[in-house]
Amino acid sequence: MTTSTTSETAARPPIIEVDGLWTQFGDHVVHRDLNLRVQPGEVMSLVGGSGSGKTTLLRQMLGLEKPTRGGIKVFGIPLQNTPREMVRRIRRRWGVLFQEGALYSALTVFDNIALPLRELRVFDEDYIHDMVMLKLDMVDIERRHAWKNPSDLSGGMVKRIALARALVLEPELIFLDEPTAGLDPDRSESFVNLIRSLREKLGLTVVMVSHDLDTIVALSHRIAVLAEQRVLVYGPLAEVIKVDHPFVQNFFLGERGQRAMSGVAAPPT
């Protein structure tokens, strides 16, 4: 595995540490001795072909699935063999944007965003109201939309409201699962710009699974390519594309990849 870190981030402990991870379903091995580090403040993208295990790895980082062996630490705390209450407290420090937004259809926009706050049972409704409105402002959704149902929203609005919900507990870490899937080019570009702005403003660390080259190129500080049951390469785009492997060459250096990279003047900072 190829890695690249700056002296500044190397001096700070990783937000996520994946060590010796194996994932196996029956005779099928998905991950074999996989290792990975996510540094504070970076956008790290997981990419790979179908069946490479990127979504499985994301779910394991979220504690939704357990690896066969090996371990994952988030904020220095192991997700495996740790008391449930401690894991629950760790989860309050991250937010998740699921691929389709995953808004509850029976709840209004307001109630969808308010749900994580209400589940904690420590905030009064005045505080919840103010926080929901603040997060709507943050994702550029007019407050008048708070009382609509998800079925009344466009795809781009659903994404932004789901992002508002992911941010409502003011997390340090955000997981994005195909954040621009289903959006047209203009809305996709707008959403990418929003994510970039929020990361810079809030100092977020971002872990993203995506197959959209424009999104990957525009946002990623480092890219982890999953292939052959491991992290094949992990580093900035300029390092990743040097790797002589069929997936890397086809994905990044094909026509779509060249077009995506031609529009980027400099890597994210």
Foldseek 3Di string as FASTA:
>chain_A
DAEDDDPVQVVDAFQKWWAQFWADDVPDTQAGGATDTFTFLFEEEEEEDPSNCPVVVVCVQLLNDPTPDTFMDGNNHTSPPDDPVVSVVSNLQFFEQDQQLPFDQVAFLLCSLLVVVVVVVPDDPVVSVVLLCVLCVLLVHDPVRRGHGPVVDDSLVSLSSSVSSRCSSPHQEYEYEASCPPPDPVSSVVVLVSVLVCSVVSSHGYYYYHLQLLSCQAGGQWYFYRDPNYRPYIGGPVVQCVDPDVVSCCRQVNPNNVVSNVPDPDGDD
